[in-house]
């Protein structure tokens, strides 16, 4: 069944919302990184191409993390060499350190992302750094990347809750985020890595930042709150939302983290709110259904299940 056959949602605006939202698609990187079985590079390339065909304009392609830590992404250089980039589509790559940046530059990447922590424990477990010393690792990456003309995004993980520390003080998240912006990141993605946030928390954190023009949100759906949290962020003026085709994803360093917000579920909600996004839902659903077949299990996305 297609979205058109099912009946598209009635368009009814709800409060003050952006007229248009950029969907930052993380399925090929964040979505696949936790898969135990290595997905062939040819399948990943087709996945990216299918998603680009659906109208997604930002596709986070891979990461130059060490293969020891994320074996699924060991083929990053091969994938980028085989990637047929489409006009008007951006293909950011996550880099963990200067060696990762070297590899990204060798591959001709023009947009990178770095991955910081809002908590002491996750910084130690994920980056082998303290909350404060992580910036010593990021500063040369950002400064070199900007000098080379690359755009740089900063991820901040554990913005709402940490499995070891519990609720995260908002002022701590803001301090980490502002250091990354001051360092030269053009955008900051606030991550609910273990999916514990609720809309009031989202509103409070965005209010603590004040200016949201450089902010994006990245929600996991562990407790079924990703869409409601996204709507809260949109009402606060956020215009970039991270999501993963088919709801794929997790975090290899946080076992309680389940899938990302499903792109199809996000698109259905945006359609109903009358917010532009540029994505053909039928094509994207077909893509996620195809990817689910490659992985050998059903898609977690409610919309994909409803339309297939």
Protein backbone atom coordinates (compact mmCIF):
# COMPACT_ATOMS: atom_id res chain seq x y z
CA UNK A 1 0.00 0.00 0.00
CA UNK A 2 1.29 3.47 -0.86
CA UNK A 3 0.87 6.60 1.23
CA UNK A 4 -1.53 7.91 -1.40
CA UNK A 5 -3.64 4.74 -1.30
CA UNK A 6 -3.67 4.82 2.49
CA UNK A 7 -4.79 8.43 2.52
CA UNK A 8 -2.31 11.13 3.38
CA UNK A 9 -2.82 12.79 6.75
CA UNK A 10 -5.12 15.79 6.82
CA UNK A 11 -3.06 18.96 6.98
CA UNK A 12 -3.83 20.82 10.21
CA UNK A 13 -1.25 23.26 11.57
CA UNK A 14 -0.56 23.18 15.30
CA UNK A 15 0.86 26.28 16.95
CA UNK A 16 3.85 28.21 15.64
CA UNK A 17 6.04 25.92 13.56
CA UNK A 18 8.80 26.37 10.98
CA UNK A 19 7.53 26.48 7.40
CA UNK A 20 10.27 24.05 6.36
CA UNK A 21 12.47 21.48 8.11
CA UNK A 22 15.76 19.94 7.04
CA UNK A 23 15.88 16.21 7.71
CA UNK A 24 19.42 15.11 8.59
CA UNK A 25 19.33 11.44 7.62
CA UNK A 26 21.64 9.28 9.75
CA UNK A 27 20.52 5.81 8.64
CA UNK A 28 23.67 4.87 6.74
CA UNK A 29 25.94 5.77 9.66
CA UNK A 30 24.14 5.86 13.00
CA UNK A 31 21.49 3.48 11.74
CA UNK A 32 23.87 0.73 10.65
CA UNK A 33 26.79 1.17 13.06
CA UNK A 34 25.36 -1.16 15.69
CA UNK A 35 24.48 -4.01 13.31
CA UNK A 36 26.28 -7.19 14.37
CA UNK A 37 26.45 -8.58 10.83
CA UNK A 38 28.55 -6.52 8.45
CA UNK A 39 26.43 -5.06 5.67
CA UNK A 40 28.14 -5.30 2.25
CA UNK A 41 29.40 -2.00 0.91
CA UNK A 42 27.31 -2.45 -2.23
CA UNK A 43 24.15 -2.61 -0.12
CA UNK A 44 25.19 0.54 1.75
CA UNK A 45 25.80 2.37 -1.52
CA UNK A 46 22.40 1.36 -2.86
CA UNK A 47 20.81 2.42 0.43
CA UNK A 48 22.37 5.88 0.11
CA UNK A 49 21.37 6.19 -3.53
CA UNK A 50 17.79 5.15 -2.82
CA UNK A 51 17.54 7.65 0.02
CA UNK A 52 18.89 10.43 -2.19
CA UNK A 53 16.28 9.49 -4.81
CA UNK A 54 13.55 9.96 -2.21
CA UNK A 55 14.47 13.62 -1.80
CA UNK A 56 16.60 13.55 1.34
CA UNK A 57 19.19 16.31 1.00
CA UNK A 58 21.54 15.43 3.88
CA UNK A 59 22.81 11.86 4.14
CA UNK A 60 25.38 11.15 6.83
CA UNK A 61 27.32 8.52 4.93
CA UNK A 62 29.78 6.85 7.31
CA UNK A 63 32.44 7.42 9.95
CA UNK A 64 36.23 7.20 10.02
CA UNK A 65 36.20 5.68 13.49
CA UNK A 66 38.75 2.93 14.13
CA UNK A 67 37.45 -0.43 12.83
CA UNK A 68 38.22 -2.01 16.21
CA UNK A 69 35.49 0.06 17.82
CA UNK A 70 32.87 0.01 15.04
CA UNK A 71 33.61 -2.87 12.62
CA UNK A 72 30.50 -2.08 10.59
CA UNK A 73 32.11 1.15 9.33
CA UNK A 74 35.54 -0.29 8.49
CA UNK A 75 34.69 0.15 4.80
CA UNK A 76 34.37 3.96 5.03
CA UNK A 77 37.07 4.73 2.46
CA UNK A 78 35.76 2.10 0.04
CA UNK A 79 32.21 3.39 0.43
CA UNK A 80 33.17 7.00 -0.26
CA UNK A 81 35.24 5.96 -3.26
CA UNK A 82 32.21 4.19 -4.73
CA UNK A 83 29.64 6.83 -3.80
CA UNK A 84 27.96 8.56 -6.71
CA UNK A 85 27.16 11.91 -5.15
CA UNK A 86 24.04 13.64 -6.39
CA UNK A 87 23.84 17.40 -6.99
CA UNK A 88 22.19 19.20 -4.11
CA UNK A 89 22.82 16.37 -1.65
CA UNK A 90 25.31 16.69 1.21
CA UNK A 91 27.17 13.61 2.48
CA UNK A 92 28.69 14.41 5.90
CA UNK A 93 31.11 12.00 7.55
CA UNK A 94 31.74 11.56 11.27
CA UNK A 95 35.39 11.87 12.33
CA UNK A 96 36.60 11.03 15.85
CA UNK A 97 40.06 12.63 15.81
CA UNK A 98 42.84 14.07 13.61
CA UNK A 99 43.60 10.71 12.02
CA UNK A 100 39.95 10.47 11.04
CA UNK A 101 40.17 13.96 9.58
CA UNK A 102 43.24 12.97 7.57
CA UNK A 103 41.29 10.08 6.06
CA UNK A 104 38.28 12.31 5.38
CA UNK A 105 40.45 14.84 3.56
CA UNK A 106 42.06 12.06 1.52
CA UNK A 107 38.56 10.95 0.52
CA UNK A 108 37.58 14.45 -0.60
CA UNK A 109 34.93 14.95 2.09
CA UNK A 110 33.57 18.51 2.37
CA UNK A 111 31.39 18.20 5.51
CA UNK A 112 32.39 16.47 8.74
CA UNK A 113 30.90 15.96 12.18
CA UNK A 114 32.57 15.48 15.56
CA UNK A 115 31.03 13.64 18.50
CA UNK A 116 31.26 15.10 22.03
CA UNK A 117 29.78 14.09 25.38
CA UNK A 118 27.74 16.16 27.81
CA UNK A 119 28.73 13.90 30.73
CA UNK A 120 31.93 12.83 32.45
CA UNK A 121 31.22 9.10 32.38
CA UNK A 122 30.27 8.89 28.72
CA UNK A 123 33.30 11.00 27.77
CA UNK A 124 35.46 8.47 29.59
CA UNK A 125 33.77 5.39 28.13
CA UNK A 126 33.31 6.67 24.58
CA UNK A 127 36.28 8.98 24.09
CA UNK A 128 38.71 7.89 26.81
CA UNK A 129 38.77 11.54 27.90
CA UNK A 130 37.43 13.68 30.72
CA UNK A 131 34.53 16.03 30.12
CA UNK A 132 36.98 18.91 29.90
CA UNK A 133 39.91 17.26 28.09
CA UNK A 134 37.72 16.04 25.20
CA UNK A 135 38.01 19.55 23.74
CA UNK A 136 41.78 19.14 23.40
CA UNK A 137 41.02 16.38 20.89
CA UNK A 138 38.36 18.35 19.02
CA UNK A 139 40.10 21.72 18.69
CA UNK A 140 42.78 20.71 16.13
CA UNK A 141 40.18 18.73 14.16
CA UNK A 142 37.81 21.68 13.90
CA UNK A 143 40.49 24.29 13.25
CA UNK A 144 42.17 22.20 10.53
CA UNK A 145 38.85 21.29 8.94
CA UNK A 146 37.72 24.92 8.81
CA UNK A 147 41.09 25.96 7.38
CA UNK A 148 40.55 23.38 4.61
CA UNK A 149 37.11 24.86 3.87
CA UNK A 150 35.10 22.01 5.42
CA UNK A 151 31.84 22.56 7.24
CA UNK A 152 31.81 21.09 10.76
CA UNK A 153 28.87 19.86 12.79
CA UNK A 154 29.13 19.07 16.50
CA UNK A 155 27.16 16.26 18.12
CA UNK A 156 26.57 16.38 21.86
CA UNK A 157 25.50 13.03 23.32
CA UNK A 158 23.69 12.33 26.61
CA UNK A 159 22.02 15.75 26.65
CA UNK A 160 18.99 14.64 28.66
CA UNK A 161 20.01 11.57 30.59
CA UNK A 162 23.03 9.33 31.13
CA UNK A 163 22.72 5.63 32.10
CA UNK A 164 25.47 6.03 34.72
CA UNK A 165 24.84 9.57 35.96
CA UNK A 166 21.09 10.02 35.57
CA UNK A 167 19.59 13.39 34.64
CA UNK A 168 22.13 15.76 33.10
CA UNK A 169 22.27 19.38 34.34
CA UNK A 170 21.14 21.71 31.56
CA UNK A 171 23.90 24.21 32.29
CA UNK A 172 26.45 21.43 31.69
CA UNK A 173 24.97 20.64 28.27
CA UNK A 174 24.89 24.32 27.34
CA UNK A 175 28.52 24.78 28.41
CA UNK A 176 29.67 21.85 26.25
CA UNK A 177 27.59 23.00 23.30
CA UNK A 178 28.76 26.59 23.41
CA UNK A 179 32.40 25.51 23.54
CA UNK A 180 31.87 23.54 20.32
CA UNK A 181 30.12 26.47 18.63
CA UNK A 182 32.85 28.86 19.77
CA UNK A 183 35.43 26.41 18.44
CA UNK A 184 33.96 26.73 14.94
CA UNK A 185 31.13 24.21 14.61
CA UNK A 186 28.40 25.64 12.38
CA UNK A 187 25.69 23.45 13.87
CA UNK A 188 25.12 21.59 17.12
CA UNK A 189 23.01 18.42 17.28
CA UNK A 190 21.60 17.78 20.76
CA UNK A 191 21.33 14.04 21.30
CA UNK A 192 18.97 12.10 23.55
CA UNK A 193 21.28 9.11 23.26
CA UNK A 194 19.30 6.75 25.48
CA UNK A 195 15.86 8.11 24.61
CA UNK A 196 14.74 9.25 28.07
CA UNK A 197 13.75 12.85 27.31
CA UNK A 198 10.21 14.19 27.48
CA UNK A 199 8.89 17.37 25.82
CA UNK A 200 9.24 19.57 28.90
CA UNK A 201 12.93 18.68 29.16
CA UNK A 202 13.41 19.48 25.49
CA UNK A 203 11.77 22.88 25.85
CA UNK A 204 13.79 23.66 28.98
CA UNK A 205 17.13 22.78 27.35
CA UNK A 206 16.39 24.78 24.21
CA UNK A 207 15.32 27.73 26.37
CA UNK A 208 18.60 27.43 28.30
CA UNK A 209 20.51 27.83 25.03
CA UNK A 210 18.34 30.80 24.04
CA UNK A 211 19.29 31.16 20.38
CA UNK A 212 18.30 27.94 18.59
CA UNK A 213 19.33 28.99 15.08
CA UNK A 214 22.44 26.75 15.19
CA UNK A 215 20.75 23.82 16.93
CA UNK A 216 19.46 20.49 15.65
CA UNK A 217 17.87 17.65 17.63
CA UNK A 218 18.61 13.94 17.63
CA UNK A 219 16.11 11.73 19.46
CA UNK A 220 16.08 8.01 20.14
CA UNK A 221 12.74 6.31 20.63
CA UNK A 222 13.51 4.05 23.59
CA UNK A 223 10.41 5.17 25.51
CA UNK A 224 8.31 6.18 22.51
CA UNK A 225 8.94 9.91 23.01
CA UNK A 226 10.94 10.80 19.88
CA UNK A 227 8.08 12.32 17.87
CA UNK A 228 6.61 14.29 20.78
CA UNK A 229 10.08 15.59 21.63
CA UNK A 230 10.59 16.59 18.01
CA UNK A 231 7.33 18.52 17.97
CA UNK A 232 8.40 20.33 21.14
CA UNK A 233 11.67 21.29 19.47
CA UNK A 234 9.91 22.51 16.32
CA UNK A 235 7.66 24.72 18.43
CA UNK A 236 10.79 26.25 19.94
CA UNK A 237 12.07 27.12 16.45
CA UNK A 238 14.46 24.24 15.65
CA UNK A 239 14.54 23.60 11.89
CA UNK A 240 16.92 20.61 11.56
CA UNK A 241 15.90 17.17 12.81
CA UNK A 242 18.04 14.04 12.77
CA UNK A 243 16.31 10.78 11.90
CA UNK A 244 17.05 7.34 10.51
CA UNK A 245 15.27 5.65 7.60
CA UNK A 246 13.24 2.76 8.94
CA UNK A 247 14.08 3.67 12.55
CA UNK A 248 17.43 1.88 12.38
CA UNK A 249 20.08 2.55 14.97
CA UNK A 250 21.38 2.53 18.49
CA UNK A 251 24.67 3.34 20.14
CA UNK A 252 27.53 0.84 20.50
CA UNK A 253 28.64 2.58 23.72
CA UNK A 254 25.20 2.76 25.39
CA UNK A 255 23.40 -0.58 25.46
CA UNK A 256 20.09 0.96 26.53
CA UNK A 257 19.91 3.10 23.39
CA UNK A 258 17.45 1.74 20.85
CA UNK A 259 16.58 3.00 17.40
CA UNK A 260 16.56 6.56 16.20
CA UNK A 261 13.44 8.47 15.32
CA UNK A 262 12.21 6.86 12.09
CA UNK A 263 12.38 9.22 9.13
CA UNK A 264 9.08 7.94 7.77
CA UNK A 265 7.31 8.63 11.08
CA UNK A 266 8.79 12.13 11.08
CA UNK A 267 7.70 12.75 7.48
CA UNK A 268 4.13 11.60 8.23
CA UNK A 269 3.93 14.05 11.13
CA UNK A 270 5.42 16.92 9.12
CA UNK A 271 2.98 16.23 6.30
CA UNK A 272 0.09 16.43 8.73
CA UNK A 273 1.39 19.71 10.14
CA UNK A 274 1.90 21.25 6.70
CA UNK A 275 5.67 21.60 7.19
CA UNK A 276 7.77 21.24 4.03
CA UNK A 277 10.59 18.68 3.95
CA UNK A 278 11.15 17.63 0.32
CA UNK A 279 10.85 13.86 0.82
CA UNK A 280 8.73 11.45 -1.21
CA UNK A 281 7.25 9.20 1.48
CA UNK A 282 6.41 6.29 -0.83
CA UNK A 283 9.96 6.12 -2.16
CA UNK A 284 11.41 6.30 1.33
CA UNK A 285 9.09 3.59 2.66
CA UNK A 286 10.08 1.33 -0.24
CA UNK A 287 13.74 2.00 0.55
CA UNK A 288 13.36 1.13 4.23
CA UNK A 289 11.35 -2.00 3.42
CA UNK A 290 14.12 -3.04 1.04
CA UNK A 291 16.77 -2.38 3.70
CA UNK A 292 14.80 -4.38 6.25
CA UNK A 293 14.94 -7.32 3.83
CA UNK A 294 18.72 -6.95 3.59
CA UNK A 295 18.97 -7.02 7.38
CA UNK A 296 16.53 -9.93 7.70
CA UNK A 297 14.02 -8.34 10.06
CA UNK A 298 11.00 -6.01 9.94
CA UNK A 299 11.46 -2.25 10.08
CA UNK A 300 10.78 -0.69 13.51
CA UNK A 301 9.08 2.28 11.81
CA UNK A 302 5.34 2.41 12.44
CA UNK A 303 4.72 4.15 9.10
CA UNK A 304 6.79 1.61 7.17
CA UNK A 305 4.78 -1.21 8.77
CA UNK A 306 1.49 0.54 8.03
CA UNK A 307 2.31 1.12 4.38
CA UNK A 308 3.91 -2.22 3.49
